[in-house]
Structure formats: C-alpha cells, structure tokens
N, C-alpha and C. Protein backbone atom coordinates (compact mmCIF):
# COMPACT_ATOMS: atom_id res chain seq x y z
N UNK A 1 0.72 -1.14 -0.37
CA UNK A 1 0.05 0.24 -0.36
C UNK A 1 0.96 1.21 0.06
N UNK A 2 1.43 1.54 -0.98
CA UNK A 2 2.26 3.25 -1.22
C UNK A 2 1.63 3.92 -1.77
N UNK A 3 0.69 4.09 -2.11
CA UNK A 3 -0.27 5.07 -2.77
C UNK A 3 -1.02 5.24 -1.94
N UNK A 4 -2.05 6.26 -1.68
CA UNK A 4 -2.91 7.45 -0.38
C UNK A 4 -4.07 6.78 -1.60
N UNK A 5 -5.26 6.84 -0.79
CA UNK A 5 -6.65 5.88 -1.20
C UNK A 5 -6.98 6.79 -2.37
N UNK A 6 -6.73 8.29 -1.77
CA UNK A 6 -7.95 9.01 -3.33
C UNK A 6 -7.03 8.70 -4.26
N UNK A 7 -5.51 8.51 -4.28
CA UNK A 7 -5.01 8.11 -5.41
C UNK A 7 -5.50 6.49 -6.40
N UNK A 8 -5.69 5.54 -5.27
CA UNK A 8 -6.68 4.77 -5.91
C UNK A 8 -7.07 4.52 -6.42
N UNK A 9 -8.40 5.23 -5.45
CA UNK A 9 -9.76 5.57 -6.02
C UNK A 9 -9.80 5.66 -7.41
N UNK A 10 -8.79 7.00 -7.69
CA UNK A 10 -9.22 7.81 -9.12
C UNK A 10 -8.40 6.69 -9.92
N UNK A 11 -7.73 5.73 -9.78
CA UNK A 11 -7.08 5.11 -10.59
C UNK A 11 -8.06 4.04 -11.17
N UNK A 12 -9.07 3.63 -10.23
CA UNK A 12 -9.97 2.37 -10.71
C UNK A 12 -10.99 2.88 -11.47
N UNK A 13 -11.26 4.50 -10.71
CA UNK A 13 -12.40 4.78 -11.51
C UNK A 13 -12.34 5.25 -12.93
N UNK A 14 -10.99 5.76 -13.23
CA UNK A 14 -10.58 5.92 -14.81
C UNK A 14 -10.03 4.62 -15.02
N UNK A 15 -10.21 3.55 -14.81
CA UNK A 15 -10.15 2.21 -15.59
C UNK A 15 -12.01 1.65 -15.56
N UNK A 16 -12.48 2.27 -15.10
CA UNK A 16 -14.23 1.66 -14.90
C UNK A 16 -14.54 3.05 -15.86
N UNK A 17 -14.53 3.56 -16.07
CA UNK A 17 -14.54 4.89 -17.46
C UNK A 17 -13.81 4.67 -18.74
N UNK A 18 -12.96 3.74 -18.66
CA UNK A 18 -11.68 3.64 -20.29
C UNK A 18 -12.85 2.27 -20.24
N UNK A 19 -12.79 1.20 -19.46
CA UNK A 19 -14.14 -0.06 -19.97
C UNK A 19 -15.61 0.55 -20.50
N UNK A 20 -15.83 1.53 -19.57
CA UNK A 20 -17.14 1.43 -20.40
C UNK A 20 -17.39 2.37 -21.97
N UNK A 21 -15.98 2.87 -21.55
CA UNK A 21 -16.26 3.90 -23.17
C UNK A 21 -15.81 2.80 -24.38
N UNK A 22 -15.15 2.00 -24.16
CA UNK A 22 -15.05 0.85 -25.11
C UNK A 22 -16.17 -0.03 -25.30
N UNK A 23 -16.69 -0.13 -24.24
CA UNK A 23 -17.77 -1.36 -24.79
C UNK A 23 -19.24 -0.26 -25.19
N UNK A 24 -19.02 0.90 -25.26
CA UNK A 24 -19.87 2.02 -25.56
C UNK A 24 -19.39 3.11 -26.69
N UNK A 25 -18.46 2.25 -27.73
CA UNK A 25 -17.57 2.67 -28.67
C UNK A 25 -17.31 3.96 -28.17
N UNK A 26 -16.98 4.90 -27.32
CA UNK A 26 -16.74 6.12 -26.50
C UNK A 26 -18.51 6.72 -27.04
N UNK A 27 -19.15 6.38 -26.83
CA UNK A 27 -20.25 7.31 -26.82
C UNK A 27 -20.33 7.44 -25.31
N UNK A 28 -20.57 8.92 -24.78
CA UNK A 28 -20.91 9.12 -23.60
C UNK A 28 -22.26 8.94 -23.02
N UNK A 29 -23.15 9.19 -23.34
CA UNK A 29 -24.02 8.56 -22.95
C UNK A 29 -24.46 7.47 -22.49
N UNK A 30 -24.31 6.66 -23.85
CA UNK A 30 -24.40 5.55 -22.90
C UNK A 30 -23.32 5.08 -22.24
N UNK A 31 -22.42 5.77 -22.33
CA UNK A 31 -21.21 5.10 -21.21
C UNK A 31 -21.86 5.40 -19.46
N UNK A 32 -22.23 6.31 -19.69
CA UNK A 32 -22.80 7.07 -18.24
C UNK A 32 -23.87 6.05 -18.07
N UNK A 33 -25.07 5.73 -18.73
CA UNK A 33 -25.75 4.57 -18.10
C UNK A 33 -25.54 3.51 -17.87
N UNK A 34 -24.06 3.04 -18.26
CA UNK A 34 -23.88 2.10 -17.98
C UNK A 34 -23.21 2.34 -16.31
N UNK A 35 -22.72 3.14 -16.05
CA UNK A 35 -21.83 3.29 -14.81
C UNK A 35 -23.03 4.11 -14.12
N UNK A 36 -24.10 4.20 -14.54
CA UNK A 36 -24.75 4.78 -13.51
C UNK A 36 -24.49 6.38 -12.99
N UNK A 37 -24.00 7.11 -14.04
CA UNK A 37 -23.22 8.33 -13.56
C UNK A 37 -24.22 9.85 -14.51
N UNK A 38 -24.57 10.62 -14.26
CA UNK A 38 -24.95 11.80 -14.91
C UNK A 38 -23.71 12.04 -16.01
N UNK A 39 -24.11 11.84 -17.35
CA UNK A 39 -23.98 12.80 -18.52
C UNK A 39 -22.83 13.71 -18.21
N UNK A 40 -22.82 14.57 -17.65
CA UNK A 40 -22.10 15.60 -18.01
C UNK A 40 -21.00 15.36 -16.09
N UNK A 41 -21.24 14.27 -15.52
CA UNK A 41 -19.81 14.43 -14.36
C UNK A 41 -19.23 13.31 -15.60
N UNK A 42 -19.24 12.65 -15.99
CA UNK A 42 -18.33 11.62 -16.53
C UNK A 42 -17.93 12.31 -17.78
N UNK A 43 -18.40 13.30 -18.21
CA UNK A 43 -17.66 14.35 -19.57
C UNK A 43 -16.80 14.39 -19.01
N UNK A 44 -17.26 15.43 -17.99
CA UNK A 44 -16.19 16.62 -16.76
C UNK A 44 -14.70 15.27 -16.77
N UNK A 45 -15.45 14.31 -15.69
CA UNK A 45 -14.00 13.43 -15.66
C UNK A 45 -13.39 13.18 -16.68
N UNK A 46 -13.81 12.75 -18.01
CA UNK A 46 -13.07 12.46 -18.68
C UNK A 46 -12.10 13.23 -19.47
N UNK A 47 -12.46 14.17 -19.55
CA UNK A 47 -11.94 15.28 -20.20
C UNK A 47 -10.69 15.73 -19.12
N UNK A 48 -11.16 15.72 -17.90
CA UNK A 48 -10.01 16.65 -16.67
C UNK A 48 -8.88 15.48 -16.74
N UNK A 49 -9.12 13.81 -17.06
CA UNK A 49 -8.37 12.53 -17.28
C UNK A 49 -7.27 12.16 -18.60
N UNK A 50 -8.21 13.41 -19.61
CA UNK A 50 -7.72 13.20 -20.85
C UNK A 50 -7.99 11.95 -21.48
N UNK A 51 -9.22 11.00 -21.43
CA UNK A 51 -9.66 10.06 -21.54
C UNK A 51 -10.41 10.21 -22.99
N UNK A 52 -11.23 11.54 -23.01
CA UNK A 52 -11.18 12.00 -24.55
C UNK A 52 -10.87 12.95 -24.96
C-alpha cells in the first residue's frame, strides 16, 4: 500500500471509465448509463483525465 487511497480510487475510476467507453464505442451518454452516473459528470471527469 504505497499509494494514498484517493490516488488508488482515481485510478480505479479511470479504468472503469475507459472500459465503459470501450464497450459503448466511446458514446458518452451510453457509457454514463452503463456506469450509472450523470452524463455531465462523466464528460467532465473524462476530459479532466484526458480520456476523451
């Protein structure tokens, strides 16, 4: 356990988002539905983390 919890959680969230985009062909609305989060929140995080 060499990384702080917040860093580990962020890394896991990135993996989940990337997986959802892969499953949905990078469709933000469908990926948000798969993840059960608002589309705006997913879009903001994906841009913040340079995923889209």
